Amino acid sequence: TDSEGRFRDFLDVLVDLEPALGRMTEKRRG
């Protein structure tokens, strides 16, 4: 959610998640 508690756009959440997923092993990512 954003600073006002509203859900962010779904794809923005996934874009922000990409760096964290990139640091995980394939098993850990799944």
Full PDB file with SEQRES, HELIX, SHEET, SSBOND, CRYST1, ORIGX, SCALE, CONECT and MASTER records, all heavy atoms in Angstrom:
SEQRES   1 A   30  THR ASP SER GLU GLY ARG PHE ARG ASP PHE LEU ASP VAL          
SEQRES   2 A   30  LEU VAL ASP LEU GLU PRO ALA LEU GLY ARG MET THR GLU          
SEQRES   3 A   30  LYS ARG ARG GLY                                              
HELIX    1 AA1 PHE A   10  GLY A   22  1                                  13    
HELIX    2 AA2 GLU A   26  ARG A   29  1                                   4    
CRYST1    1.000    1.000    1.000  90.00  90.00  90.00 P 1           1          
ORIGX1      1.000000  0.000000  0.000000        0.00000                         
ORIGX2      0.000000  1.000000  0.000000        0.00000                         
ORIGX3      0.000000  0.000000  1.000000        0.00000                         
SCALE1      1.000000  0.000000  0.000000        0.00000                         
SCALE2      0.000000  1.000000  0.000000        0.00000                         
SCALE3      0.000000  0.000000  1.000000        0.00000                         
ATOM      1  N   THR A   1       0.836  -1.198   0.000  1.00  0.00           N  
ATOM      2  CA  THR A   1       0.000   0.000   0.000  1.00  0.00           C  
ATOM      3  C   THR A   1       0.874   1.254   0.000  1.00  0.00           C  
ATOM      4  O   THR A   1       2.064   1.196   0.339  1.00  0.00           O  
ATOM      5  CB  THR A   1      -0.924   0.023   1.226  1.00  0.00           C  
ATOM      6  OG1 THR A   1      -0.126  -0.072   2.420  1.00  0.00           O  
ATOM      7  CG2 THR A   1      -1.896  -1.146   1.192  1.00  0.00           C  
ATOM      8  N   ASP A   2       0.272   2.380  -0.368  1.00  0.00           N  
ATOM      9  CA  ASP A   2       1.016   3.635  -0.370  1.00  0.00           C  
ATOM     10  C   ASP A   2       0.895   4.318   0.987  1.00  0.00           C  
ATOM     11  O   ASP A   2       0.353   3.743   1.938  1.00  0.00           O  
ATOM     12  CB  ASP A   2       0.531   4.550  -1.507  1.00  0.00           C  
ATOM     13  CG  ASP A   2      -0.948   4.937  -1.372  1.00  0.00           C  
ATOM     14  OD1 ASP A   2      -1.514   4.814  -0.265  1.00  0.00           O  
ATOM     15  OD2 ASP A   2      -1.545   5.351  -2.382  1.00  0.00           O  
ATOM     16  N   SER A   3       1.390   5.557   1.081  1.00  0.00           N  
ATOM     17  CA  SER A   3       1.417   6.267   2.364  1.00  0.00           C  
ATOM     18  C   SER A   3       0.023   6.557   2.905  1.00  0.00           C  
ATOM     19  O   SER A   3      -0.134   6.827   4.093  1.00  0.00           O  
ATOM     20  CB  SER A   3       2.200   7.566   2.212  1.00  0.00           C  
ATOM     21  OG  SER A   3       1.601   8.393   1.224  1.00  0.00           O  
ATOM     22  N   GLU A   4      -0.984   6.505   2.031  1.00  0.00           N  
ATOM     23  CA  GLU A   4      -2.364   6.757   2.456  1.00  0.00           C  
ATOM     24  C   GLU A   4      -3.154   5.472   2.663  1.00  0.00           C  
ATOM     25  O   GLU A   4      -4.370   5.503   2.860  1.00  0.00           O  
ATOM     26  CB  GLU A   4      -3.070   7.655   1.431  1.00  0.00           C  
ATOM     27  CG  GLU A   4      -2.414   9.030   1.298  1.00  0.00           C  
ATOM     28  CD  GLU A   4      -3.119   9.910   0.281  1.00  0.00           C  
ATOM     29  OE1 GLU A   4      -4.148   9.471  -0.291  1.00  0.00           O  
ATOM     30  OE2 GLU A   4      -2.653  11.033   0.070  1.00  0.00           O  
ATOM     31  N   GLY A   5      -2.456   4.335   2.602  1.00  0.00           N  
ATOM     32  CA  GLY A   5      -3.101   3.051   2.858  1.00  0.00           C  
ATOM     33  C   GLY A   5      -3.844   2.468   1.679  1.00  0.00           C  
ATOM     34  O   GLY A   5      -4.582   1.485   1.831  1.00  0.00           O  
ATOM     35  N   ARG A   6      -3.677   3.033   0.491  1.00  0.00           N  
ATOM     36  CA  ARG A   6      -4.343   2.517  -0.704  1.00  0.00           C  
ATOM     37  C   ARG A   6      -3.450   1.495  -1.394  1.00  0.00           C  
ATOM     38  O   ARG A   6      -2.225   1.624  -1.401  1.00  0.00           O  
ATOM     39  CB  ARG A   6      -4.660   3.659  -1.673  1.00  0.00           C  
ATOM     40  CG  ARG A   6      -5.655   4.662  -1.125  1.00  0.00           C  
ATOM     41  CD  ARG A   6      -5.840   5.833  -2.062  1.00  0.00           C  
ATOM     42  NE  ARG A   6      -4.587   6.552  -2.264  1.00  0.00           N  
ATOM     43  CZ  ARG A   6      -4.492   7.756  -2.802  1.00  0.00           C  
ATOM     44  NH1 ARG A   6      -5.581   8.372  -3.218  1.00  0.00           N  
ATOM     45  NH2 ARG A   6      -3.326   8.344  -2.955  1.00  0.00           N  
ATOM     46  N   PHE A   7      -4.079   0.473  -1.970  1.00  0.00           N  
ATOM     47  CA  PHE A   7      -3.309  -0.542  -2.689  1.00  0.00           C  
ATOM     48  C   PHE A   7      -2.556   0.088  -3.850  1.00  0.00           C  
ATOM     49  O   PHE A   7      -3.103   0.896  -4.611  1.00  0.00           O  
ATOM     50  CB  PHE A   7      -4.227  -1.651  -3.219  1.00  0.00           C  
ATOM     51  CG  PHE A   7      -4.676  -2.620  -2.166  1.00  0.00           C  
ATOM     52  CD1 PHE A   7      -5.981  -2.594  -1.702  1.00  0.00           C  
ATOM     53  CD2 PHE A   7      -3.791  -3.546  -1.635  1.00  0.00           C  
ATOM     54  CE1 PHE A   7      -6.407  -3.485  -0.733  1.00  0.00           C  
ATOM     55  CE2 PHE A   7      -4.203  -4.447  -0.666  1.00  0.00           C  
ATOM     56  CZ  PHE A   7      -5.506  -4.412  -0.203  1.00  0.00           C  
ATOM     57  N   ARG A   8      -1.288  -0.281  -3.976  1.00  0.00           N  
ATOM     58  CA  ARG A   8      -0.498   0.154  -5.124  1.00  0.00           C  
ATOM     59  C   ARG A   8      -0.868  -0.687  -6.349  1.00  0.00           C  
ATOM     60  O   ARG A   8      -1.475  -1.759  -6.226  1.00  0.00           O  
ATOM     61  CB  ARG A   8       0.989  -0.019  -4.830  1.00  0.00           C  
ATOM     62  CG  ARG A   8       1.487   0.801  -3.653  1.00  0.00           C  
ATOM     63  CD  ARG A   8       2.929   0.465  -3.339  1.00  0.00           C  
ATOM     64  NE  ARG A   8       3.804   0.810  -4.457  1.00  0.00           N  
ATOM     65  CZ  ARG A   8       4.955   0.177  -4.730  1.00  0.00           C  
ATOM     66  NH1 ARG A   8       5.347  -0.855  -3.993  1.00  0.00           N  
ATOM     67  NH2 ARG A   8       5.693   0.562  -5.753  1.00  0.00           N  
ATOM     68  N   ASP A   9      -0.498  -0.199  -7.529  1.00  0.00           N  
ATOM     69  CA  ASP A   9      -0.713  -0.992  -8.736  1.00  0.00           C  
ATOM     70  C   ASP A   9       0.067  -2.293  -8.642  1.00  0.00           C  
ATOM     71  O   ASP A   9       1.230  -2.319  -8.212  1.00  0.00           O  
ATOM     72  CB  ASP A   9      -0.278  -0.206  -9.967  1.00  0.00           C  
ATOM     73  CG  ASP A   9      -1.231   0.936 -10.296  1.00  0.00           C  
ATOM     74  OD1 ASP A   9      -2.407   0.848  -9.881  1.00  0.00           O  
ATOM     75  OD2 ASP A   9      -0.804   1.887 -10.961  1.00  0.00           O  
ATOM     76  N   PHE A  10      -0.588  -3.367  -9.043  1.00  0.00           N  
ATOM     77  CA  PHE A  10      -0.023  -4.708  -8.869  1.00  0.00           C  
ATOM     78  C   PHE A  10       1.353  -4.844  -9.530  1.00  0.00           C  
ATOM     79  O   PHE A  10       2.284  -5.397  -8.947  1.00  0.00           O  
ATOM     80  CB  PHE A  10      -0.996  -5.731  -9.463  1.00  0.00           C  
ATOM     81  CG  PHE A  10      -0.558  -7.158  -9.310  1.00  0.00           C  
ATOM     82  CD1 PHE A  10      -0.589  -7.776  -8.079  1.00  0.00           C  
ATOM     83  CD2 PHE A  10      -0.102  -7.878 -10.402  1.00  0.00           C  
ATOM     84  CE1 PHE A  10      -0.190  -9.085  -7.921  1.00  0.00           C  
ATOM     85  CE2 PHE A  10       0.302  -9.194 -10.255  1.00  0.00           C  
ATOM     86  CZ  PHE A  10       0.260  -9.801  -9.016  1.00  0.00           C  
ATOM     87  N   LEU A  11       1.493  -4.334 -10.739  1.00  0.00           N  
ATOM     88  CA  LEU A  11       2.761  -4.496 -11.451  1.00  0.00           C  
ATOM     89  C   LEU A  11       3.874  -3.671 -10.817  1.00  0.00           C  
ATOM     90  O   LEU A  11       5.050  -4.048 -10.905  1.00  0.00           O  
ATOM     91  CB  LEU A  11       2.588  -4.143 -12.922  1.00  0.00           C  
ATOM     92  CG  LEU A  11       1.701  -5.125 -13.698  1.00  0.00           C  
ATOM     93  CD1 LEU A  11       1.407  -4.596 -15.094  1.00  0.00           C  
ATOM     94  CD2 LEU A  11       2.348  -6.506 -13.788  1.00  0.00           C  
ATOM     95  N   ASP A  12       3.548  -2.562 -10.159  1.00  0.00           N  
ATOM     96  CA  ASP A  12       4.569  -1.803  -9.434  1.00  0.00           C  
ATOM     97  C   ASP A  12       5.105  -2.618  -8.263  1.00  0.00           C  
ATOM     98  O   ASP A  12       6.305  -2.570  -7.948  1.00  0.00           O  
ATOM     99  CB  ASP A  12       3.986  -0.484  -8.928  1.00  0.00           C  
ATOM    100  CG  ASP A  12       3.744   0.508 -10.055  1.00  0.00           C  
ATOM    101  OD1 ASP A  12       4.329   0.329 -11.141  1.00  0.00           O  
ATOM    102  OD2 ASP A  12       2.961   1.459  -9.848  1.00  0.00           O  
ATOM    103  N   VAL A  13       4.223  -3.354  -7.612  1.00  0.00           N  
ATOM    104  CA  VAL A  13       4.651  -4.231  -6.518  1.00  0.00           C  
ATOM    105  C   VAL A  13       5.622  -5.290  -7.051  1.00  0.00           C  
ATOM    106  O   VAL A  13       6.678  -5.551  -6.447  1.00  0.00           O  
ATOM    107  CB  VAL A  13       3.429  -4.893  -5.842  1.00  0.00           C  
ATOM    108  CG1 VAL A  13       3.878  -5.960  -4.831  1.00  0.00           C  
ATOM    109  CG2 VAL A  13       2.561  -3.843  -5.165  1.00  0.00           C  
ATOM    110  N   LEU A  14       5.284  -5.884  -8.202  1.00  0.00           N  
ATOM    111  CA  LEU A  14       6.155  -6.926  -8.755  1.00  0.00           C  
ATOM    112  C   LEU A  14       7.486  -6.354  -9.231  1.00  0.00           C  
ATOM    113  O   LEU A  14       8.529  -7.012  -9.104  1.00  0.00           O  
ATOM    114  CB  LEU A  14       5.448  -7.648  -9.904  1.00  0.00           C  
ATOM    115  CG  LEU A  14       4.208  -8.468  -9.532  1.00  0.00           C  
ATOM    116  CD1 LEU A  14       3.794  -9.360 -10.705  1.00  0.00           C  
ATOM    117  CD2 LEU A  14       4.444  -9.312  -8.291  1.00  0.00           C  
ATOM    118  N   VAL A  15       7.474  -5.145  -9.783  1.00  0.00           N  
ATOM    119  CA  VAL A  15       8.736  -4.501 -10.198  1.00  0.00           C  
ATOM    120  C   VAL A  15       9.636  -4.299  -8.981  1.00  0.00           C  
ATOM    121  O   VAL A  15      10.841  -4.569  -9.026  1.00  0.00           O  
ATOM    122  CB  VAL A  15       8.456  -3.160 -10.906  1.00  0.00           C  
ATOM    123  CG1 VAL A  15       9.734  -2.334 -11.028  1.00  0.00           C  
ATOM    124  CG2 VAL A  15       7.869  -3.400 -12.291  1.00  0.00           C  
ATOM    125  N   ASP A  16       9.056  -3.828  -7.881  1.00  0.00           N  
ATOM    126  CA  ASP A  16       9.846  -3.625  -6.657  1.00  0.00           C  
ATOM    127  C   ASP A  16      10.339  -4.942  -6.077  1.00  0.00           C  
ATOM    128  O   ASP A  16      11.370  -4.976  -5.388  1.00  0.00           O  
ATOM    129  CB  ASP A  16       9.001  -2.897  -5.603  1.00  0.00           C  
ATOM    130  CG  ASP A  16       8.779  -1.436  -5.946  1.00  0.00           C  
ATOM    131  OD1 ASP A  16       9.376  -0.958  -6.939  1.00  0.00           O  
ATOM    132  OD2 ASP A  16       8.006  -0.773  -5.232  1.00  0.00           O  
ATOM    133  N   LEU A  17       9.610  -6.016  -6.340  1.00  0.00           N  
ATOM    134  CA  LEU A  17       9.980  -7.328  -5.814  1.00  0.00           C  
ATOM    135  C   LEU A  17      11.144  -7.961  -6.590  1.00  0.00           C  
ATOM    136  O   LEU A  17      11.867  -8.805  -6.048  1.00  0.00           O  
ATOM    137  CB  LEU A  17       8.759  -8.253  -5.860  1.00  0.00           C  
ATOM    138  CG  LEU A  17       8.888  -9.666  -5.302  1.00  0.00           C  
ATOM    139  CD1 LEU A  17       9.306  -9.643  -3.840  1.00  0.00           C  
ATOM    140  CD2 LEU A  17       7.568 -10.422  -5.467  1.00  0.00           C  
ATOM    141  N   GLU A  18      11.333  -7.565  -7.841  1.00  0.00           N  
ATOM    142  CA  GLU A  18      12.333  -8.198  -8.707  1.00  0.00           C  
ATOM    143  C   GLU A  18      13.741  -8.238  -8.107  1.00  0.00           C  
ATOM    144  O   GLU A  18      14.402  -9.277  -8.154  1.00  0.00           O  
ATOM    145  CB  GLU A  18      12.363  -7.511 -10.079  1.00  0.00           C  
ATOM    146  CG  GLU A  18      11.365  -8.067 -11.067  1.00  0.00           C  
ATOM    147  CD  GLU A  18      11.568  -9.546 -11.323  1.00  0.00           C  
ATOM    148  OE1 GLU A  18      12.651  -9.948 -11.777  1.00  0.00           O  
ATOM    149  OE2 GLU A  18      10.656 -10.317 -11.041  1.00  0.00           O  
ATOM    150  N   PRO A  19      14.269  -7.130  -7.563  1.00  0.00           N  
ATOM    151  CA  PRO A  19      15.633  -7.208  -7.002  1.00  0.00           C  
ATOM    152  C   PRO A  19      15.767  -8.251  -5.894  1.00  0.00           C  
ATOM    153  O   PRO A  19      16.779  -8.961  -5.818  1.00  0.00           O  
ATOM    154  CB  PRO A  19      15.870  -5.785  -6.472  1.00  0.00           C  
ATOM    155  CG  PRO A  19      14.964  -4.925  -7.280  1.00  0.00           C  
ATOM    156  CD  PRO A  19      13.744  -5.753  -7.520  1.00  0.00           C  
ATOM    157  N   ALA A  20      14.741  -8.341  -5.032  1.00  0.00           N  
ATOM    158  CA  ALA A  20      14.780  -9.328  -3.954  1.00  0.00           C  
ATOM    159  C   ALA A  20      14.754 -10.745  -4.513  1.00  0.00           C  
ATOM    160  O   ALA A  20      15.489 -11.632  -4.049  1.00  0.00           O  
ATOM    161  CB  ALA A  20      13.614  -9.110  -2.995  1.00  0.00           C  
ATOM    162  N   LEU A  21      13.938 -10.980  -5.538  1.00  0.00           N  
ATOM    163  CA  LEU A  21      13.870 -12.307  -6.154  1.00  0.00           C  
ATOM    164  C   LEU A  21      15.198 -12.657  -6.815  1.00  0.00           C  
ATOM    165  O   LEU A  21      15.639 -13.812  -6.794  1.00  0.00           O  
ATOM    166  CB  LEU A  21      12.750 -12.360  -7.194  1.00  0.00           C  
ATOM    167  CG  LEU A  21      11.316 -12.220  -6.668  1.00  0.00           C  
ATOM    168  CD1 LEU A  21      10.329 -12.248  -7.836  1.00  0.00           C  
ATOM    169  CD2 LEU A  21      10.986 -13.315  -5.663  1.00  0.00           C  
ATOM    170  N   GLY A  22      15.864 -11.646  -7.383  1.00  0.00           N  
ATOM    171  CA  GLY A  22      17.137 -11.881  -8.053  1.00  0.00           C  
ATOM    172  C   GLY A  22      18.233 -12.323  -7.109  1.00  0.00           C  
ATOM    173  O   GLY A  22      19.208 -12.967  -7.532  1.00  0.00           O  
ATOM    174  N   ARG A  23      18.097 -11.983  -5.825  1.00  0.00           N  
ATOM    175  CA  ARG A  23      19.106 -12.385  -4.828  1.00  0.00           C  
ATOM    176  C   ARG A  23      18.832 -13.760  -4.249  1.00  0.00           C  
ATOM    177  O   ARG A  23      19.633 -14.275  -3.467  1.00  0.00           O  
ATOM    178  CB  ARG A  23      19.152 -11.344  -3.701  1.00  0.00           C  
ATOM    179  CG  ARG A  23      19.662  -9.980  -4.138  1.00  0.00           C  
ATOM    180  CD  ARG A  23      19.911  -9.078  -2.954  1.00  0.00           C  
ATOM    181  NE  ARG A  23      18.687  -8.725  -2.254  1.00  0.00           N  
ATOM    182  CZ  ARG A  23      17.948  -7.642  -2.523  1.00  0.00           C  
ATOM    183  NH1 ARG A  23      18.314  -6.828  -3.510  1.00  0.00           N  
ATOM    184  NH2 ARG A  23      16.861  -7.382  -1.842  1.00  0.00           N  
ATOM    185  N   MET A  24      17.688 -14.352  -4.601  1.00  0.00           N  
ATOM    186  CA  MET A  24      17.314 -15.662  -4.057  1.00  0.00           C  
ATOM    187  C   MET A  24      17.755 -16.779  -4.990  1.00  0.00           C  
ATOM    188  O   MET A  24      17.866 -16.585  -6.202  1.00  0.00           O  
ATOM    189  CB  MET A  24      15.799 -15.751  -3.864  1.00  0.00           C  
ATOM    190  CG  MET A  24      15.213 -14.764  -2.882  1.00  0.00           C  
ATOM    191  SD  MET A  24      13.391 -14.942  -2.806  1.00  0.00           S  
ATOM    192  CE  MET A  24      12.957 -13.547  -1.769  1.00  0.00           C  
ATOM    193  N   THR A  25      17.978 -17.960  -4.414  1.00  0.00           N  
ATOM    194  CA  THR A  25      18.186 -19.137  -5.248  1.00  0.00           C  
ATOM    195  C   THR A  25      16.862 -19.512  -5.900  1.00  0.00           C  
ATOM    196  O   THR A  25      15.788 -19.057  -5.472  1.00  0.00           O  
ATOM    197  CB  THR A  25      18.673 -20.320  -4.409  1.00  0.00           C  
ATOM    198  OG1 THR A  25      17.636 -20.683  -3.469  1.00  0.00           O  
ATOM    199  CG2 THR A  25      19.949 -19.985  -3.649  1.00  0.00           C  
ATOM    200  N   GLU A  26      16.910 -20.334  -6.925  1.00  0.00           N  
ATOM    201  CA  GLU A  26      15.682 -20.732  -7.605  1.00  0.00           C  
ATOM    202  C   GLU A  26      14.727 -21.427  -6.647  1.00  0.00           C  
ATOM    203  O   GLU A  26      13.510 -21.191  -6.679  1.00  0.00           O  
ATOM    204  CB  GLU A  26      16.028 -21.654  -8.774  1.00  0.00           C  
ATOM    205  CG  GLU A  26      14.856 -21.963  -9.681  1.00  0.00           C  
ATOM    206  CD  GLU A  26      15.275 -22.740 -10.913  1.00  0.00           C  
ATOM    207  OE1 GLU A  26      16.335 -22.434 -11.483  1.00  0.00           O  
ATOM    208  OE2 GLU A  26      14.525 -23.656 -11.294  1.00  0.00           O  
ATOM    209  N   LYS A  27      15.279 -22.278  -5.777  1.00  0.00           N  
ATOM    210  CA  LYS A  27      14.442 -22.996  -4.817  1.00  0.00           C  
ATOM    211  C   LYS A  27      13.806 -22.030  -3.827  1.00  0.00           C  
ATOM    212  O   LYS A  27      12.606 -22.116  -3.532  1.00  0.00           O  
ATOM    213  CB  LYS A  27      15.291 -24.029  -4.075  1.00  0.00           C  
ATOM    214  CG  LYS A  27      14.515 -24.838  -3.043  1.00  0.00           C  
ATOM    215  CD  LYS A  27      15.420 -25.862  -2.377  1.00  0.00           C  
ATOM    216  CE  LYS A  27      14.658 -26.667  -1.329  1.00  0.00           C  
ATOM    217  NZ  LYS A  27      15.544 -27.649  -0.648  1.00  0.00           N  
ATOM    218  N   ARG A  28      14.605 -21.087  -3.320  1.00  0.00           N  
ATOM    219  CA  ARG A  28      14.095 -20.118  -2.352  1.00  0.00           C  
ATOM    220  C   ARG A  28      13.067 -19.203  -3.003  1.00  0.00           C  
ATOM    221  O   ARG A  28      12.047 -18.848  -2.393  1.00  0.00           O  
ATOM    222  CB  ARG A  28      15.272 -19.300  -1.799  1.00  0.00           C  
ATOM    223  CG  ARG A  28      14.880 -18.090  -0.964  1.00  0.00           C  
ATOM    224  CD  ARG A  28      14.142 -18.474   0.281  1.00  0.00           C  
ATOM    225  NE  ARG A  28      13.750 -17.304   1.034  1.00  0.00           N  
ATOM    226  CZ  ARG A  28      12.599 -17.167   1.677  1.00  0.00           C  
ATOM    227  NH1 ARG A  28      11.706 -18.152   1.670  1.00  0.00           N  
ATOM    228  NH2 ARG A  28      12.329 -16.074   2.344  1.00  0.00           N  
ATOM    229  N   ARG A  29      13.296 -18.829  -4.261  1.00  0.00           N  
ATOM    230  CA  ARG A  29      12.367 -17.945  -4.961  1.00  0.00           C  
ATOM    231  C   ARG A  29      10.993 -18.598  -5.088  1.00  0.00           C  
ATOM    232  O   ARG A  29       9.965 -17.987  -4.806  1.00  0.00           O  
ATOM    233  CB  ARG A  29      12.918 -17.611  -6.347  1.00  0.00           C  
ATOM    234  CG  ARG A  29      12.094 -16.570  -7.101  1.00  0.00           C  
ATOM    235  CD  ARG A  29      12.650 -16.378  -8.501  1.00  0.00           C  
ATOM    236  NE  ARG A  29      14.054 -16.081  -8.474  1.00  0.00           N  
ATOM    237  CZ  ARG A  29      14.993 -16.746  -9.144  1.00  0.00           C  
ATOM    238  NH1 ARG A  29      14.659 -17.753  -9.931  1.00  0.00           N  
ATOM    239  NH2 ARG A  29      16.257 -16.407  -9.046  1.00  0.00           N  
ATOM    240  N   GLY A  30      10.976 -19.861  -5.510  1.00  0.00           N  
ATOM    241  CA  GLY A  30       9.710 -20.568  -5.655  1.00  0.00           C  
ATOM    242  C   GLY A  30       8.980 -20.695  -4.331  1.00  0.00           C  
ATOM    243  O   GLY A  30       7.761 -20.513  -4.266  1.00  0.00           O  
TER     244      GLY A  30                                                      
MASTER        0    0    0    2    0    0    0    6  243    1    0    3          
END                                                                             
